[in-house]
Amino acid sequence: MNISNNCLNPYILRGQITMSQITLVDEQDMLLNEMKERMASYPQYTFISEKSFGNKELARISYATDLVIIVAKSKINIHHVVEQYKEQNKKVAIWIANEDKVSLNTIFHMEVDGYISNKVSSSELNFAIHSILTGNQYIDRHISSILLRKYNRLTSGKNNRPNGLLTDREWDILEQIVKGMKNEGIANTLHLSPRTVKNHIVSIFSKLGVDNRTSAALSAVRNGWVEI
């Protein structure tokens, strides 16, 4: 059960402050100073920074780290980074600084402990961290509104999709084709190999009776299977 914000500064356990170490994973190392400034009124948190470089192996997080907050950036393979730290049995949250620069579809499909945007206030950020540390999942209201809009758009298109025409993965790829994504971009977004994407596209063309990406996209939009 979530605790009101008024009870959270500081956390008191048997008369002592409960300290928590939080690791910030940011390839540009910019969040650390911002977080320290925002959370200056909450001395129970210690922040350290760890850089991430996409597919390269990540350093093992200190055993003392209670929460890892990963900055979602377009250059980071966010799925890979999340899995690396989940394998270390760490609580993981994703920090979304600019929703236009990342693949929200990919992010929302991940089983992480929290989704936090840079629009949260200091008190709400404190509440978010506390919620995650105490075993709850947190999604701030800025991100939940985006998620709801995306869900409504996707489900409205899916309701019109004929059963058995394409597989679930082929529908995912067709959505990316409608967005104008090339094979490499689709592969990165859906975490598939380029060869697998190419094979799926050949199958999609055959099932839709088309011979190019433009015709496939037009069929999807005209029939209400995918919304732009």
Protein backbone atom coordinates (compact mmCIF):
# COMPACT_ATOMS: atom_id res chain seq x y z
CA MET A 1 0.00 0.00 0.00
CA ASN A 2 1.38 3.41 -0.91
CA ILE A 3 2.17 5.86 1.89
CA SER A 4 1.27 9.53 1.64
CA ASN A 5 4.02 11.97 0.77
CA ASN A 6 3.83 13.60 4.20
CA CYS A 7 5.20 10.43 5.80
CA LEU A 8 8.21 10.02 3.61
CA ASN A 9 10.78 12.61 4.65
CA PRO A 10 12.81 11.11 6.14
CA TYR A 11 12.03 7.37 6.50
CA ILE A 12 12.29 6.41 10.15
CA LEU A 13 12.92 2.81 11.20
CA ARG A 14 13.39 2.15 14.93
CA GLY A 15 14.45 5.75 15.42
CA GLN A 16 16.98 5.84 12.56
CA ILE A 17 16.92 7.05 8.96
CA THR A 18 16.85 4.19 6.45
CA MET A 19 19.43 5.01 3.77
CA SER A 20 19.13 3.88 0.15
CA GLN A 21 21.73 3.90 -2.63
CA ILE A 22 20.44 4.64 -6.12
CA THR A 23 22.49 4.09 -9.26
CA LEU A 24 21.77 6.29 -12.29
CA VAL A 25 22.63 4.74 -15.66
CA ASP A 26 23.12 7.55 -18.16
CA GLU A 27 25.43 7.50 -21.18
CA GLN A 28 25.88 11.28 -21.02
CA ASP A 29 26.17 11.39 -17.23
CA MET A 30 23.79 14.36 -16.94
CA LEU A 31 21.14 13.09 -14.53
CA LEU A 32 23.35 12.88 -11.45
CA ASN A 33 23.55 16.62 -10.77
CA GLU A 34 19.87 17.11 -11.58
CA MET A 35 18.86 14.33 -9.21
CA LYS A 36 21.06 15.64 -6.41
CA GLU A 37 19.52 19.11 -6.81
CA ARG A 38 15.95 17.83 -6.91
CA MET A 39 16.40 15.49 -3.97
CA ALA A 40 18.47 17.74 -1.73
CA SER A 41 15.66 17.71 0.84
CA TYR A 42 15.73 13.91 1.04
CA PRO A 43 19.03 12.94 2.70
CA GLN A 44 18.05 9.27 2.91
CA TYR A 45 19.15 8.81 -0.72
CA THR A 46 22.69 8.46 -2.01
CA PHE A 47 23.09 8.81 -5.79
CA ILE A 48 25.93 7.42 -7.87
CA SER A 49 26.35 7.39 -11.63
CA GLU A 50 27.12 4.50 -14.00
CA LYS A 51 27.55 5.02 -17.74
CA SER A 52 26.04 2.64 -20.26
CA PHE A 53 27.14 2.09 -23.83
CA GLY A 54 24.44 0.12 -25.61
CA ASN A 55 25.36 -3.49 -26.26
CA LYS A 56 28.70 -3.47 -24.44
CA GLU A 57 28.92 -5.37 -21.20
CA LEU A 58 27.86 -3.30 -18.23
CA ALA A 59 29.76 -3.02 -14.98
CA ARG A 60 28.29 -5.00 -12.12
CA ILE A 61 26.28 -2.74 -9.88
CA SER A 62 27.44 -2.49 -6.29
CA TYR A 63 25.76 -4.98 -3.96
CA ALA A 64 24.70 -1.96 -1.85
CA THR A 65 22.60 -0.46 -4.67
CA ASP A 66 18.89 -0.62 -3.89
CA LEU A 67 17.53 0.80 -7.16
CA VAL A 68 18.85 1.33 -10.69
CA ILE A 69 17.30 4.20 -12.70
CA ILE A 70 18.08 3.94 -16.42
CA VAL A 71 17.82 7.01 -18.62
CA ALA A 72 15.98 6.04 -21.82
CA LYS A 73 17.89 7.40 -24.80
CA SER A 74 17.54 6.69 -28.49
CA LYS A 75 21.17 5.47 -28.68
CA ILE A 76 20.79 2.95 -25.87
CA ASN A 77 19.53 -0.60 -26.41
CA ILE A 78 17.22 -0.19 -23.44
CA HIS A 79 16.06 -3.81 -23.49
CA HIS A 80 19.61 -5.06 -23.16
CA VAL A 81 20.45 -2.65 -20.36
CA VAL A 82 17.31 -3.53 -18.37
CA GLU A 83 17.94 -7.26 -18.66
CA GLN A 84 21.55 -6.84 -17.54
CA TYR A 85 20.52 -5.25 -14.26
CA LYS A 86 17.49 -7.46 -13.67
CA GLU A 87 19.86 -10.42 -13.88
CA GLN A 88 21.67 -8.84 -10.93
CA ASN A 89 18.36 -8.90 -8.99
CA LYS A 90 18.13 -5.13 -8.79
CA LYS A 91 14.98 -3.06 -8.78
CA VAL A 92 14.90 -1.17 -12.08
CA ALA A 93 13.08 2.00 -13.15
CA ILE A 94 13.21 3.83 -16.48
CA TRP A 95 13.67 7.61 -16.59
CA ILE A 96 12.01 9.15 -19.66
CA ALA A 97 13.38 12.61 -20.38
CA ASN A 98 11.86 12.99 -23.84
CA GLU A 99 9.14 10.62 -25.03
CA ASP A 100 9.69 11.74 -28.63
CA LYS A 101 13.26 10.41 -28.63
CA VAL A 102 12.63 6.83 -27.48
CA SER A 103 10.51 3.87 -28.51
CA LEU A 104 7.71 3.94 -25.96
CA ASN A 105 6.26 0.71 -27.35
CA THR A 106 9.47 -1.08 -26.43
CA ILE A 107 9.68 0.56 -23.02
CA PHE A 108 6.09 -0.18 -22.03
CA HIS A 109 6.52 -3.89 -22.82
CA MET A 110 9.33 -4.25 -20.29
CA GLU A 111 8.68 -5.69 -16.85
CA VAL A 112 10.38 -3.03 -14.78
CA ASP A 113 9.51 -1.64 -11.37
CA GLY A 114 8.82 1.92 -12.41
CA TYR A 115 8.40 4.47 -15.20
CA ILE A 116 9.34 8.03 -14.26
CA SER A 117 9.31 11.14 -16.45
CA ASN A 118 11.46 14.22 -15.93
CA LYS A 119 8.25 16.22 -15.40
CA VAL A 120 7.69 14.91 -11.86
CA SER A 121 8.08 17.22 -8.88
CA SER A 122 10.63 16.54 -6.17
CA SER A 123 7.97 15.32 -3.74
CA GLU A 124 6.47 13.00 -6.37
CA LEU A 125 9.92 11.70 -7.27
CA ASN A 126 10.48 10.92 -3.60
CA PHE A 127 7.15 9.10 -3.53
CA ALA A 128 8.04 7.18 -6.70
CA ILE A 129 11.38 6.00 -5.33
CA HIS A 130 9.84 5.03 -2.00
CA SER A 131 7.05 3.09 -3.75
CA ILE A 132 9.54 1.10 -5.81
CA LEU A 133 11.85 0.43 -2.89
CA THR A 134 8.94 -0.93 -0.86
CA GLY A 135 7.94 -3.40 -3.54
CA ASN A 136 5.32 -1.49 -5.52
CA GLN A 137 5.28 -0.65 -9.22
CA TYR A 138 5.15 3.03 -10.06
CA ILE A 139 4.00 4.83 -13.22
CA ASP A 140 3.80 8.61 -13.01
CA ARG A 141 0.74 10.38 -14.36
CA HIS A 142 2.55 11.98 -17.30
CA ILE A 143 3.56 8.58 -18.65
CA SER A 144 0.31 6.80 -17.79
CA SER A 145 -1.61 9.31 -19.91
CA ILE A 146 0.71 8.58 -22.87
CA LEU A 147 0.28 4.85 -22.29
CA LEU A 148 -3.51 5.17 -22.26
CA ARG A 149 -3.54 7.13 -25.53
CA LYS A 150 -1.27 4.58 -27.19
CA TYR A 151 -3.41 1.70 -25.90
CA ASN A 152 -6.58 3.29 -27.25
CA ARG A 153 -4.98 3.84 -30.67
CA LEU A 154 -3.62 0.32 -30.87
CA THR A 155 -6.75 -1.47 -29.67
CA SER A 156 -9.02 0.54 -31.97
CA GLY A 157 -6.97 -0.72 -34.93
CA LYS A 158 -6.63 -4.27 -33.66
CA ASN A 159 -10.39 -4.65 -33.25
CA ASN A 160 -10.71 -4.41 -37.03
CA ARG A 161 -8.03 -6.97 -37.82
CA PRO A 162 -9.25 -10.18 -39.45
CA ASN A 163 -8.47 -13.28 -37.43
CA GLY A 164 -5.78 -15.48 -38.92
CA LEU A 165 -4.64 -13.07 -41.62
CA LEU A 166 -1.26 -12.36 -40.00
CA THR A 167 0.58 -13.66 -36.96
CA ASP A 168 1.03 -11.35 -33.94
CA ARG A 169 4.66 -10.74 -34.90
CA GLU A 170 3.66 -9.92 -38.49
CA TRP A 171 1.14 -7.36 -37.20
CA ASP A 172 3.93 -5.81 -35.12
CA ILE A 173 6.13 -5.56 -38.19
CA LEU A 174 3.31 -4.18 -40.33
CA GLU A 175 2.82 -1.41 -37.72
CA GLN A 176 6.48 -0.51 -38.11
CA ILE A 177 6.20 -0.52 -41.90
CA VAL A 178 3.30 1.94 -41.66
CA LYS A 179 5.56 4.17 -39.56
CA GLY A 180 8.08 4.15 -42.41
CA MET A 181 10.66 2.03 -40.60
CA LYS A 182 13.30 0.17 -42.61
CA ASN A 183 14.31 -3.43 -41.90
CA GLU A 184 17.22 -2.49 -39.66
CA GLY A 185 15.10 -0.12 -37.61
CA ILE A 186 12.37 -2.73 -37.24
CA ALA A 187 14.94 -5.29 -36.14
CA ASN A 188 16.31 -2.96 -33.45
CA THR A 189 12.86 -1.94 -32.21
CA LEU A 190 11.45 -5.47 -32.00
CA HIS A 191 14.75 -7.13 -31.02
CA LEU A 192 14.84 -9.41 -34.05
CA SER A 193 17.55 -10.20 -36.56
CA PRO A 194 17.38 -8.40 -39.93
CA ARG A 195 17.00 -11.78 -41.65
CA THR A 196 13.97 -12.64 -39.50
CA VAL A 197 12.40 -9.26 -40.28
CA LYS A 198 12.98 -9.79 -44.00
CA ASN A 199 11.34 -13.24 -43.88
CA HIS A 200 8.33 -11.85 -42.03
CA ILE A 201 7.94 -9.05 -44.57
CA VAL A 202 7.97 -11.53 -47.45
CA SER A 203 5.22 -13.45 -45.65
CA ILE A 204 3.21 -10.27 -45.05
CA PHE A 205 3.38 -9.28 -48.71
CA SER A 206 2.19 -12.75 -49.73
CA LYS A 207 -0.73 -12.79 -47.30
CA LEU A 208 -1.85 -9.27 -48.22
CA GLY A 209 -1.41 -9.87 -51.95
CA VAL A 210 0.99 -6.93 -52.38
CA ASP A 211 4.53 -6.65 -53.66
CA ASN A 212 5.96 -3.60 -51.85
CA ARG A 213 5.99 -1.77 -48.53
CA THR A 214 3.88 1.15 -49.72
CA SER A 215 1.04 -1.11 -50.83
CA ALA A 216 1.22 -3.05 -47.57
CA ALA A 217 1.04 0.17 -45.55
CA LEU A 218 -1.88 1.50 -47.61
CA SER A 219 -3.81 -1.74 -47.13
CA ALA A 220 -3.25 -1.61 -43.40
CA VAL A 221 -4.40 2.01 -43.06
CA ARG A 222 -7.36 1.79 -45.46
CA ASN A 223 -8.72 -1.28 -43.69
CA GLY A 224 -8.29 0.25 -40.25
CA TRP A 225 -5.81 -2.40 -39.14
CA VAL A 226 -3.14 0.16 -38.22
CA GLU A 227 -3.59 3.82 -37.35
CA ILE A 228 -1.09 6.48 -38.38
